[in-house]
N, C-alpha and C. Protein backbone atom coordinates (compact mmCIF):
# COMPACT_ATOMS: atom_id res chain seq x y z
N MET A 1 74.88 114.30 119.92
CA MET A 1 74.24 114.15 118.77
C MET A 1 73.52 115.11 118.28
N ASP A 2 73.72 115.96 118.89
CA ASP A 2 72.73 117.21 118.23
C ASP A 2 73.31 117.79 117.20
N THR A 3 74.69 117.98 117.18
CA THR A 3 75.44 118.42 116.23
C THR A 3 75.38 117.49 114.88
N VAL A 4 75.60 116.24 115.20
CA VAL A 4 75.72 115.21 113.85
C VAL A 4 74.36 115.53 113.26
N TRP A 5 73.23 115.49 113.83
CA TRP A 5 71.75 115.25 113.22
C TRP A 5 71.48 116.92 112.38
N GLY A 6 72.19 118.11 113.19
CA GLY A 6 71.99 119.10 112.51
C GLY A 6 72.86 119.24 111.02
N SER A 7 74.01 118.65 111.08
CA SER A 7 74.53 118.73 110.06
C SER A 7 74.11 117.56 109.10
N MET A 8 73.44 116.56 109.16
CA MET A 8 72.50 115.74 108.39
C MET A 8 71.58 116.50 108.22
N MET A 9 70.70 116.90 108.85
CA MET A 9 69.73 117.70 108.54
C MET A 9 70.18 118.65 107.40
N LYS A 10 71.19 119.59 107.62
CA LYS A 10 71.21 120.45 106.96
C LYS A 10 71.95 120.34 105.10
N LEU A 11 72.30 119.06 105.20
CA LEU A 11 72.95 118.43 103.78
C LEU A 11 71.70 117.51 103.15
N TYR A 12 71.22 116.68 103.93
CA TYR A 12 70.05 116.35 103.09
C TYR A 12 68.60 116.44 103.72
N GLY A 13 68.35 117.12 104.64
CA GLY A 13 66.65 117.21 105.00
C GLY A 13 66.46 116.28 105.72
N GLU A 14 65.12 116.28 105.83
CA GLU A 14 63.98 115.00 106.57
C GLU A 14 64.24 113.89 106.10
N HIS A 15 63.95 113.69 104.64
CA HIS A 15 64.09 112.70 104.06
C HIS A 15 65.26 111.58 103.91
N GLY A 16 66.33 112.39 103.46
CA GLY A 16 67.66 111.84 103.53
C GLY A 16 67.94 111.18 104.80
N VAL A 17 67.96 112.20 106.22
CA VAL A 17 67.97 111.30 107.39
C VAL A 17 67.27 110.45 107.58
N SER A 18 66.15 110.30 107.04
CA SER A 18 65.42 108.91 107.32
C SER A 18 65.69 107.82 106.73
N GLN A 19 66.83 107.86 105.62
CA GLN A 19 67.29 106.91 105.07
C GLN A 19 68.26 106.40 105.81
N ILE A 20 68.97 107.59 106.16
CA ILE A 20 70.57 107.02 107.22
C ILE A 20 70.04 106.14 108.08
N ASN A 21 69.09 106.73 109.16
CA ASN A 21 68.92 105.52 110.27
C ASN A 21 69.97 105.39 111.39
N LEU A 22 70.06 107.12 111.64
CA LEU A 22 71.23 107.13 112.46
C LEU A 22 70.91 106.28 113.91
N LYS A 23 71.57 105.62 114.54
CA LYS A 23 71.47 105.66 116.32
C LYS A 23 72.93 105.57 116.98
N LEU A 24 72.86 105.87 117.84
CA LEU A 24 74.05 105.95 119.28
C LEU A 24 74.04 104.56 119.60
N ILE A 25 74.95 104.21 119.36
CA ILE A 25 75.13 102.63 120.50
C ILE A 25 76.02 102.90 121.29
N ARG A 26 77.14 103.62 121.36
CA ARG A 26 78.17 103.64 122.58
C ARG A 26 78.61 105.09 122.44
N PHE A 27 79.06 105.93 123.30
CA PHE A 27 79.88 107.17 123.71
C PHE A 27 80.86 106.93 124.74
N ILE A 28 81.76 107.19 124.72
CA ILE A 28 82.96 107.03 125.56
C ILE A 28 83.93 108.69 125.70
N ALA A 29 83.02 109.12 126.66
CA ALA A 29 83.48 110.70 126.66
C ALA A 29 84.93 110.97 127.03
N GLU A 30 85.34 109.91 127.90
CA GLU A 30 86.93 110.11 128.22
C GLU A 30 88.20 109.88 127.31
N GLU A 31 87.50 108.99 126.30
CA GLU A 31 88.29 109.14 125.18
C GLU A 31 87.78 109.23 123.66
N ASN A 32 87.00 110.62 123.35
CA ASN A 32 86.62 111.16 122.39
C ASN A 32 85.81 110.14 121.55
N TYR A 33 85.29 109.17 121.67
CA TYR A 33 84.21 108.49 120.26
C TYR A 33 83.51 107.94 120.50
N ALA A 34 82.81 107.30 119.38
CA ALA A 34 81.46 106.81 119.54
C ALA A 34 81.43 105.83 118.48
N ILE A 35 80.28 104.99 118.65
CA ILE A 35 79.84 104.12 118.08
C ILE A 35 78.39 104.21 117.60
N VAL A 36 78.28 104.64 116.23
CA VAL A 36 77.01 105.15 115.65
C VAL A 36 76.64 103.86 114.58
N ARG A 37 75.12 103.76 114.41
CA ARG A 37 75.05 102.62 113.63
C ARG A 37 74.24 103.06 112.43
N VAL A 38 74.39 102.75 111.14
CA VAL A 38 73.66 103.32 110.23
C VAL A 38 73.31 102.60 109.39
N ASN A 39 72.58 102.72 108.25
CA ASN A 39 71.76 101.66 107.22
C ASN A 39 73.03 101.59 106.66
N HIS A 40 73.08 100.28 105.89
CA HIS A 40 74.33 100.28 104.93
C HIS A 40 74.31 101.05 103.63
N SER A 41 72.84 101.45 102.99
CA SER A 41 72.73 102.16 102.26
C SER A 41 73.12 103.63 102.35
N GLY A 42 72.90 104.16 103.42
CA GLY A 42 73.58 105.59 104.45
C GLY A 42 74.91 105.57 104.76
N ILE A 43 75.95 104.83 104.65
CA ILE A 43 76.91 105.14 105.11
C ILE A 43 77.74 106.14 104.27
N ASP A 44 77.74 106.26 102.85
CA ASP A 44 78.25 107.47 102.43
C ASP A 44 77.58 109.07 102.71
N MET A 45 76.36 109.05 103.15
CA MET A 45 75.99 109.94 103.71
C MET A 45 75.89 110.48 104.67
N ALA A 46 76.19 109.50 106.00
CA ALA A 46 76.43 109.47 107.08
C ALA A 46 78.04 110.17 107.26
N ARG A 47 79.16 109.19 106.54
CA ARG A 47 80.13 109.87 106.48
C ARG A 47 80.59 111.35 105.97
N ALA A 48 79.83 111.86 104.59
CA ALA A 48 79.88 113.26 104.48
C ALA A 48 78.88 114.03 105.38
N SER A 49 78.21 113.92 106.16
CA SER A 49 77.55 114.64 107.35
C SER A 49 78.47 114.81 108.56
N LEU A 50 79.28 113.61 108.55
CA LEU A 50 80.14 114.09 109.67
C LEU A 50 81.47 114.55 109.53
N ALA A 51 81.83 114.72 108.16
CA ALA A 51 83.26 115.38 107.53
C ALA A 51 82.80 116.88 107.50
N LEU A 52 81.48 117.54 107.74
CA LEU A 52 81.17 118.92 107.52
C LEU A 52 81.44 119.58 109.10
N ILE A 53 81.16 118.29 109.71
CA ILE A 53 81.08 119.00 111.43
C ILE A 53 82.29 119.34 111.55
N THR A 54 82.78 121.31 111.91
CA THR A 54 83.56 122.25 112.46
C THR A 54 83.44 122.54 113.71
N LYS A 55 82.34 122.26 114.54
CA LYS A 55 82.17 122.72 115.89
C LYS A 55 80.94 121.80 116.47
N ILE A 56 81.28 122.03 117.71
CA ILE A 56 80.66 121.07 118.76
C ILE A 56 80.69 121.87 119.88
N ALA A 57 79.23 122.10 120.69
CA ALA A 57 79.24 122.97 121.60
C ALA A 57 80.05 124.27 121.38
N GLY A 58 79.72 124.91 120.34
CA GLY A 58 80.73 126.06 120.23
C GLY A 58 81.71 126.05 120.12
N ARG A 59 82.44 125.09 120.35
CA ARG A 59 84.10 124.45 120.11
C ARG A 59 84.27 124.07 118.86
N PRO A 60 85.93 124.91 118.56
CA PRO A 60 86.21 123.65 116.92
C PRO A 60 86.28 122.38 117.29
N ALA A 61 86.01 121.62 116.13
CA ALA A 61 85.99 120.04 116.59
C ALA A 61 86.51 119.45 115.08
N SER A 62 86.68 118.51 114.78
CA SER A 62 86.39 117.42 113.95
C SER A 62 85.91 116.32 113.91
N VAL A 63 85.08 115.59 113.36
CA VAL A 63 85.11 114.35 113.35
C VAL A 63 85.78 113.51 112.42
N HIS A 64 86.19 112.15 112.46
CA HIS A 64 86.92 111.08 111.74
C HIS A 64 86.17 109.61 112.15
N VAL A 65 86.01 108.94 110.95
CA VAL A 65 85.49 107.60 110.91
C VAL A 65 86.79 107.14 110.73
N LEU A 66 86.64 106.13 111.91
CA LEU A 66 87.89 105.43 112.33
C LEU A 66 87.78 103.85 111.67
N LYS A 67 86.69 103.32 111.64
CA LYS A 67 86.27 102.36 111.36
C LYS A 67 84.85 101.97 110.81
N VAL A 68 84.71 100.85 109.80
CA VAL A 68 83.41 100.73 109.11
C VAL A 68 83.32 99.41 109.01
N SER A 69 81.97 98.99 109.71
CA SER A 69 81.95 97.25 109.67
C SER A 69 80.46 97.00 109.41
N GLY A 70 80.31 95.42 108.85
CA GLY A 70 79.12 95.15 108.65
C GLY A 70 78.23 94.68 109.79
N THR A 71 78.89 94.40 110.74
CA THR A 71 78.02 94.38 112.33
C THR A 71 78.62 95.25 113.19
N LEU A 72 78.08 94.78 114.22
CA LEU A 72 78.37 95.77 115.43
C LEU A 72 79.50 95.02 116.08
N LYS A 73 79.13 93.01 116.36
CA LYS A 73 79.60 92.55 116.61
C LYS A 73 81.30 92.39 116.28
N SER A 74 81.39 92.55 114.88
CA SER A 74 83.17 92.51 114.64
C SER A 74 83.63 93.84 114.50
N LEU A 75 82.84 94.92 114.50
CA LEU A 75 83.19 96.16 115.22
C LEU A 75 84.02 96.31 116.62
N ARG A 76 83.13 95.50 117.50
CA ARG A 76 83.65 95.59 118.67
C ARG A 76 84.33 94.54 119.03
N ASP A 77 84.72 93.66 117.85
CA ASP A 77 85.74 92.52 118.07
C ASP A 77 87.54 93.07 117.44
N LYS A 78 86.98 94.16 116.92
CA LYS A 78 88.42 94.70 116.34
C LYS A 78 88.90 95.50 117.64
N SER A 79 90.20 95.68 117.50
CA SER A 79 90.58 96.85 118.64
C SER A 79 90.73 98.18 117.84
N ARG A 80 91.02 98.89 118.71
CA ARG A 80 90.85 100.27 118.47
C ARG A 80 92.39 101.13 117.72
N PRO A 81 92.31 101.62 117.12
CA PRO A 81 93.74 101.91 116.49
C PRO A 81 94.59 102.83 117.23
């Protein structure tokens, strides 16, 4: 999460990050995916920040948004690709 916060801080600063209201809901290390929650008005800002990530813990990496949902319940009900 430090990498995600760092990317958001670089792009939007403290004020922008406070508008996104990012929260980690679930992280599955074995499958390399996470579920995060953001304000509906901060979706585009969060997606842009995630797209700019090129390294995680000093290793090359990329972050892809797989799904966006209006509620966590409907997101959990959908199967992973």
